[in-house]
Amino acid sequence: MAELERPERLQIMLTSDELAALENWRFDRRMPSRSAAVRELLRRGLASDGFLTAEQGLKSQDYGILPTDGAE
């Protein structure tokens, strides 16, 4: 079986109003799936806080919250 590009799963609970807002946002932007819409909104939220600075050509597995080199 092929290895998944996104092997991590995140389950969230939404109110009906939150789900409607997500669906409206997704359809307005022609996003292919709810998952894609949630990932894009997370990316935008993190970027607006200055947390996410991505270089071209990197995959999501190249990013993490915790340092991997032992630095704090």
C-alpha atoms as a PDB file:
ATOM      1  CA  MET A   1       0.000   0.000   0.000  1.00  0.00           C
ATOM      2  CA  ALA A   2       1.293   3.477  -0.867  1.00  0.00           C
ATOM      3  CA  GLU A   3       2.371   5.760   1.954  1.00  0.00           C
ATOM      4  CA  LEU A   4      -0.049   8.618   2.650  1.00  0.00           C
ATOM      5  CA  GLU A   5       1.116  12.148   1.954  1.00  0.00           C
ATOM      6  CA  ARG A   6      -0.698  13.325   5.089  1.00  0.00           C
ATOM      7  CA  PRO A   7      -0.601  10.422   7.541  1.00  0.00           C
ATOM      8  CA  GLU A   8      -1.824  12.460  10.539  1.00  0.00           C
ATOM      9  CA  ARG A   9      -5.545  12.728  11.214  1.00  0.00           C
ATOM     10  CA  LEU A  10      -7.204  15.557  13.160  1.00  0.00           C
ATOM     11  CA  GLN A  11     -10.831  15.300  14.213  1.00  0.00           C
ATOM     12  CA  ILE A  12     -12.670  18.462  15.272  1.00  0.00           C
ATOM     13  CA  MET A  13     -16.189  19.192  16.446  1.00  0.00           C
ATOM     14  CA  LEU A  14     -18.016  22.192  14.970  1.00  0.00           C
ATOM     15  CA  THR A  15     -21.320  23.877  15.654  1.00  0.00           C
ATOM     16  CA  SER A  16     -23.793  23.977  12.785  1.00  0.00           C
ATOM     17  CA  ASP A  17     -22.998  27.689  12.307  1.00  0.00           C
ATOM     18  CA  GLU A  18     -19.253  27.008  12.149  1.00  0.00           C
ATOM     19  CA  LEU A  19     -19.776  24.209   9.640  1.00  0.00           C
ATOM     20  CA  ALA A  20     -22.014  26.432   7.509  1.00  0.00           C
ATOM     21  CA  ALA A  21     -19.379  29.186   7.556  1.00  0.00           C
ATOM     22  CA  LEU A  22     -16.681  26.684   6.571  1.00  0.00           C
ATOM     23  CA  GLU A  23     -18.811  25.273   3.751  1.00  0.00           C
ATOM     24  CA  ASN A  24     -19.696  28.755   2.443  1.00  0.00           C
ATOM     25  CA  TRP A  25     -16.031  29.810   2.525  1.00  0.00           C
ATOM     26  CA  ARG A  26     -15.017  26.561   0.812  1.00  0.00           C
ATOM     27  CA  PHE A  27     -17.594  26.822  -1.982  1.00  0.00           C
ATOM     28  CA  ASP A  28     -16.882  30.542  -2.594  1.00  0.00           C
ATOM     29  CA  ARG A  29     -13.241  29.622  -3.201  1.00  0.00           C
ATOM     30  CA  ARG A  30     -13.961  26.357  -5.022  1.00  0.00           C
ATOM     31  CA  MET A  31     -11.916  24.324  -2.560  1.00  0.00           C
ATOM     32  CA  PRO A  32     -11.926  20.609  -3.445  1.00  0.00           C
ATOM     33  CA  SER A  33     -12.767  19.342   0.059  1.00  0.00           C
ATOM     34  CA  ARG A  34     -13.495  20.324   3.643  1.00  0.00           C
ATOM     35  CA  SER A  35     -10.039  19.090   4.596  1.00  0.00           C
ATOM     36  CA  ALA A  36      -8.409  21.367   2.032  1.00  0.00           C
ATOM     37  CA  ALA A  37     -10.452  24.310   3.318  1.00  0.00           C
ATOM     38  CA  VAL A  38      -9.514  23.610   6.950  1.00  0.00           C
ATOM     39  CA  ARG A  39      -5.810  23.254   6.025  1.00  0.00           C
ATOM     40  CA  GLU A  40      -5.926  26.564   4.121  1.00  0.00           C
ATOM     41  CA  LEU A  41      -7.643  28.376   6.995  1.00  0.00           C
ATOM     42  CA  LEU A  42      -5.095  26.976   9.468  1.00  0.00           C
ATOM     43  CA  ARG A  43      -2.245  28.042   7.192  1.00  0.00           C
ATOM     44  CA  ARG A  44      -3.696  31.561   6.877  1.00  0.00           C
ATOM     45  CA  GLY A  45      -4.250  31.860  10.621  1.00  0.00           C
ATOM     46  CA  LEU A  46      -0.716  30.745  11.442  1.00  0.00           C
ATOM     47  CA  ALA A  47       0.745  33.019   8.765  1.00  0.00           C
ATOM     48  CA  SER A  48      -1.185  36.025  10.089  1.00  0.00           C
ATOM     49  CA  ASP A  49       0.472  35.479  13.479  1.00  0.00           C
ATOM     50  CA  GLY A  50       3.882  35.303  11.823  1.00  0.00           C
ATOM     51  CA  PHE A  51       4.228  31.676  12.849  1.00  0.00           C
ATOM     52  CA  LEU A  52       4.312  30.151   9.388  1.00  0.00           C
ATOM     53  CA  THR A  53       7.087  31.121   7.020  1.00  0.00           C
ATOM     54  CA  ALA A  54       7.388  28.569   4.254  1.00  0.00           C
ATOM     55  CA  GLU A  55      10.085  28.099   1.689  1.00  0.00           C
ATOM     56  CA  GLN A  56       9.125  26.889  -1.783  1.00  0.00           C
ATOM     57  CA  GLY A  57       9.376  23.172  -2.427  1.00  0.00           C
ATOM     58  CA  LEU A  58       9.047  21.977   1.170  1.00  0.00           C
ATOM     59  CA  LYS A  59       6.441  19.415   2.208  1.00  0.00           C
ATOM     60  CA  SER A  60       4.204  19.589   5.262  1.00  0.00           C
ATOM     61  CA  GLN A  61       6.312  16.863   6.897  1.00  0.00           C
ATOM     62  CA  ASP A  62       9.225  19.323   6.891  1.00  0.00           C
ATOM     63  CA  TYR A  63       7.435  21.501   9.460  1.00  0.00           C
ATOM     64  CA  GLY A  64       6.777  21.016  13.141  1.00  0.00           C
ATOM     65  CA  ILE A  65       5.990  22.925  16.287  1.00  0.00           C
ATOM     66  CA  LEU A  66       8.754  21.428  18.411  1.00  0.00           C
ATOM     67  CA  PRO A  67      12.429  21.883  17.546  1.00  0.00           C
ATOM     68  CA  THR A  68      14.144  18.752  16.250  1.00  0.00           C
ATOM     69  CA  ASP A  69      17.751  19.843  16.859  1.00  0.00           C
ATOM     70  CA  GLY A  70      17.484  19.953  20.657  1.00  0.00           C
ATOM     71  CA  ALA A  71      17.287  23.780  20.716  1.00  0.00           C
ATOM     72  CA  GLU A  72      14.647  25.456  22.836  1.00  0.00           C
END
